[in-house]
């Protein structure tokens, strides 16, 4: 299972998966522009000022409310949590950014050194100093690669029959995927089958 070009159907609900630095937010912005679909930055909704997590019952209610929208691109899904399935179940398209840990490290490092906070950055949450954050990033990526990634791949294999699943590993995969989306996009409410 690798890059799978889109079938002939409208893409209106997209779940983006992958570790930190995989390129999910950038891909989300590109898809939003192509499809005129809003990006839901889940990190902005989950984290309150000072990196305080939203309590589970409240977080679940927020996610249910957001997932009920007619169309969306969900960025920042917390794979490994029980509630991640909500987004995957509601999505017509799931994209897993399966980049190498070195790519993730490079992108996160570059972003931090450039002090480039994107729209997905939670409000009133200052990033930790790089010397403190970097070891945590390495630990997270190791955990993600060894434990979360195999679970995600197994779940996606089960979903391939009922949903569009694409696994993107390279820049070329991303470009081919975007080209496929552009070729198959349909205005809201229309099917590209007609």
Protein backbone atom coordinates (compact mmCIF):
# COMPACT_ATOMS: atom_id res chain seq x y z
CA UNK A 1 0.00 0.00 0.00
CA UNK A 2 1.54 3.32 -1.03
CA UNK A 3 0.30 6.29 -2.97
CA UNK A 4 -3.20 5.59 -4.16
CA UNK A 5 -4.63 8.08 -6.62
CA UNK A 6 -8.15 9.20 -5.95
CA UNK A 7 -11.12 7.39 -7.34
CA UNK A 8 -13.82 9.36 -9.15
CA UNK A 9 -15.72 10.83 -6.24
CA UNK A 10 -15.89 14.11 -4.40
CA UNK A 11 -13.35 14.69 -1.66
CA UNK A 12 -15.04 16.64 1.14
CA UNK A 13 -13.74 15.20 4.43
CA UNK A 14 -10.03 14.57 4.70
CA UNK A 15 -8.16 13.21 7.73
CA UNK A 16 -4.43 13.95 7.74
CA UNK A 17 -2.23 11.63 9.79
CA UNK A 18 1.47 11.55 10.53
CA UNK A 19 4.15 12.48 13.04
CA UNK A 20 5.38 15.98 13.84
CA UNK A 21 7.21 17.48 10.86
CA UNK A 22 5.57 15.18 8.32
CA UNK A 23 4.05 18.04 6.32
CA UNK A 24 0.42 17.64 7.35
CA UNK A 25 -0.26 21.33 7.88
CA UNK A 26 1.30 22.34 4.59
CA UNK A 27 -0.65 19.65 2.74
CA UNK A 28 -3.80 20.75 4.57
CA UNK A 29 -3.34 24.34 3.37
CA UNK A 30 -2.73 23.16 -0.20
CA UNK A 31 -5.84 20.95 -0.15
CA UNK A 32 -7.93 23.75 1.36
CA UNK A 33 -6.92 26.02 -1.50
CA UNK A 34 -7.63 23.38 -4.15
CA UNK A 35 -10.95 22.21 -2.73
CA UNK A 36 -12.23 25.32 -0.96
CA UNK A 37 -12.64 23.24 2.20
CA UNK A 38 -11.77 24.57 5.68
CA UNK A 39 -8.85 23.16 7.66
CA UNK A 40 -9.62 22.26 11.26
CA UNK A 41 -6.38 22.67 13.23
CA UNK A 42 -7.09 20.33 16.11
CA UNK A 43 -4.04 21.44 18.11
CA UNK A 44 -5.51 24.95 18.29
CA UNK A 45 -8.75 23.51 19.65
CA UNK A 46 -7.15 21.03 22.07
CA UNK A 47 -4.54 23.22 23.78
CA UNK A 48 -5.57 26.12 25.98
CA UNK A 49 -3.24 28.97 26.98
CA UNK A 50 -0.03 27.73 28.59
CA UNK A 51 -0.30 24.24 27.03
CA UNK A 52 -3.23 23.19 29.22
CA UNK A 53 -5.03 20.23 27.67
CA UNK A 54 -8.79 20.33 27.16
CA UNK A 55 -10.49 17.84 29.53
CA UNK A 56 -11.56 14.62 27.75
CA UNK A 57 -15.38 15.10 27.89
CA UNK A 58 -15.09 18.66 26.58
CA UNK A 59 -12.56 17.58 23.94
CA UNK A 60 -14.88 14.83 22.72
CA UNK A 61 -17.78 17.32 22.40
CA UNK A 62 -15.58 19.76 20.44
CA UNK A 63 -14.49 17.03 18.06
CA UNK A 64 -18.03 15.75 17.50
CA UNK A 65 -19.21 19.31 16.75
CA UNK A 66 -16.36 19.92 14.28
CA UNK A 67 -16.69 16.52 12.58
CA UNK A 68 -20.37 17.21 11.87
CA UNK A 69 -19.46 19.93 9.40
CA UNK A 70 -20.32 19.18 5.79
CA UNK A 71 -16.68 19.36 4.71
CA UNK A 72 -13.30 19.62 6.43
CA UNK A 73 -9.63 18.81 6.44
CA UNK A 74 -8.62 17.58 9.91
CA UNK A 75 -5.01 18.37 10.82
CA UNK A 76 -3.54 17.33 14.16
CA UNK A 77 -5.41 14.10 14.80
CA UNK A 78 -3.85 12.42 17.82
CA UNK A 79 -3.20 8.93 16.55
CA UNK A 80 -3.11 6.39 19.31
CA UNK A 81 -5.98 8.02 21.21
CA UNK A 82 -9.39 6.39 21.21
CA UNK A 83 -11.06 9.52 19.78
CA UNK A 84 -8.85 9.51 16.67
CA UNK A 85 -11.26 6.97 15.21
CA UNK A 86 -13.99 9.60 15.13
CA UNK A 87 -12.14 11.53 12.42
CA UNK A 88 -11.12 8.43 10.52
CA UNK A 89 -14.65 7.03 10.56
CA UNK A 90 -16.14 10.30 9.25
CA UNK A 91 -13.50 10.91 6.56
CA UNK A 92 -14.04 10.01 2.92
CA UNK A 93 -10.28 10.36 2.37
CA UNK A 94 -7.44 9.51 4.77
CA UNK A 95 -3.90 10.66 4.03
CA UNK A 96 -1.02 9.24 6.05
CA UNK A 97 2.18 11.26 5.78
CA UNK A 98 4.61 8.40 6.39
CA UNK A 99 7.89 10.28 6.20
CA UNK A 100 11.17 9.10 7.68
CA UNK A 101 12.11 10.18 11.19
CA UNK A 102 15.08 12.10 9.72
CA UNK A 103 12.72 14.10 7.52
CA UNK A 104 10.56 14.88 10.56
CA UNK A 105 13.58 15.98 12.61
CA UNK A 106 14.86 18.16 9.78
CA UNK A 107 11.51 19.86 9.20
CA UNK A 108 10.79 20.50 12.88
CA UNK A 109 14.32 21.80 13.44
CA UNK A 110 14.12 24.08 10.42
CA UNK A 111 10.71 25.39 11.50
CA UNK A 112 11.97 26.09 15.03
CA UNK A 113 15.16 27.79 13.84
CA UNK A 114 13.14 29.98 11.47
CA UNK A 115 10.63 30.69 14.27
CA UNK A 116 7.87 29.94 11.79
CA UNK A 117 4.67 29.29 13.70
CA UNK A 118 1.82 28.34 11.39
CA UNK A 119 -1.93 28.65 11.84
CA UNK A 120 -1.95 25.29 13.62
CA UNK A 121 0.03 26.70 16.58
CA UNK A 122 -2.22 26.99 19.64
CA UNK A 123 -2.93 30.52 20.85
CA UNK A 124 -0.97 31.74 23.89
CA UNK A 125 1.32 28.70 23.87
CA UNK A 126 5.00 29.51 23.69
CA UNK A 127 7.18 26.73 22.31
CA UNK A 128 9.63 25.25 24.80
CA UNK A 129 13.26 26.21 24.30
CA UNK A 130 14.76 24.10 21.54
CA UNK A 131 17.31 22.43 23.82
CA UNK A 132 14.42 21.12 25.96
CA UNK A 133 12.06 20.31 23.09
CA UNK A 134 14.53 18.45 20.87
CA UNK A 135 15.06 15.42 23.16
CA UNK A 136 11.27 15.16 23.60
CA UNK A 137 10.83 15.27 19.82
CA UNK A 138 13.34 12.44 19.35
CA UNK A 139 11.63 10.37 22.02
CA UNK A 140 8.20 11.03 20.49
CA UNK A 141 9.38 10.10 16.98
CA UNK A 142 10.89 6.87 18.26
CA UNK A 143 7.62 6.03 20.06
CA UNK A 144 5.56 7.00 17.01
CA UNK A 145 7.67 4.93 14.61
CA UNK A 146 7.76 1.81 16.81
CA UNK A 147 4.24 1.77 18.29
CA UNK A 148 1.83 4.20 16.65
CA UNK A 149 2.85 3.79 12.99
CA UNK A 150 2.21 0.00 12.85
CA UNK A 151 -1.25 0.51 14.37
CA UNK A 152 -2.05 3.27 11.88
CA UNK A 153 -0.91 1.14 8.92
CA UNK A 154 -3.01 -1.83 10.12
CA UNK A 155 -6.06 0.39 10.59
CA UNK A 156 -5.63 1.94 7.14
CA UNK A 157 -5.32 -1.49 5.52
CA UNK A 158 -8.74 -2.36 6.99
CA UNK A 159 -10.24 0.89 5.67
CA UNK A 160 -9.00 0.65 2.07
CA UNK A 161 -12.15 -1.04 0.82
CA UNK A 162 -14.55 1.61 2.13
CA UNK A 163 -12.49 4.82 2.08
CA UNK A 164 -9.86 6.45 -0.06
CA UNK A 165 -6.52 5.88 1.66
CA UNK A 166 -3.24 7.38 0.49
CA UNK A 167 0.12 6.89 2.11
CA UNK A 168 2.57 9.61 1.10
CA UNK A 169 6.26 9.08 1.79
CA UNK A 170 8.04 11.48 -0.55
CA UNK A 171 7.62 14.95 -2.05
CA UNK A 172 6.81 13.24 -5.33
CA UNK A 173 4.01 11.26 -3.66
CA UNK A 174 2.58 14.51 -2.30
CA UNK A 175 2.74 16.16 -5.72
CA UNK A 176 1.05 13.21 -7.44
CA UNK A 177 -1.65 13.20 -4.75
CA UNK A 178 -2.32 16.93 -5.19
CA UNK A 179 -2.47 16.47 -8.96
CA UNK A 180 -5.00 13.65 -8.48
CA UNK A 181 -7.12 15.81 -6.15
CA UNK A 182 -7.06 18.66 -8.65
CA UNK A 183 -8.15 16.32 -11.44
CA UNK A 184 -11.04 14.87 -9.41
CA UNK A 185 -12.24 17.87 -7.44
CA UNK A 186 -15.91 18.67 -7.62
CA UNK A 187 -17.84 21.67 -6.32
CA UNK A 188 -19.59 21.15 -3.00
CA UNK A 189 -22.67 19.02 -3.45
CA UNK A 190 -21.70 17.70 -6.87
CA UNK A 191 -20.26 14.37 -7.82
CA UNK A 192 -17.44 14.18 -10.31
CA UNK A 193 -19.17 11.05 -11.65
CA UNK A 194 -21.79 13.14 -13.48
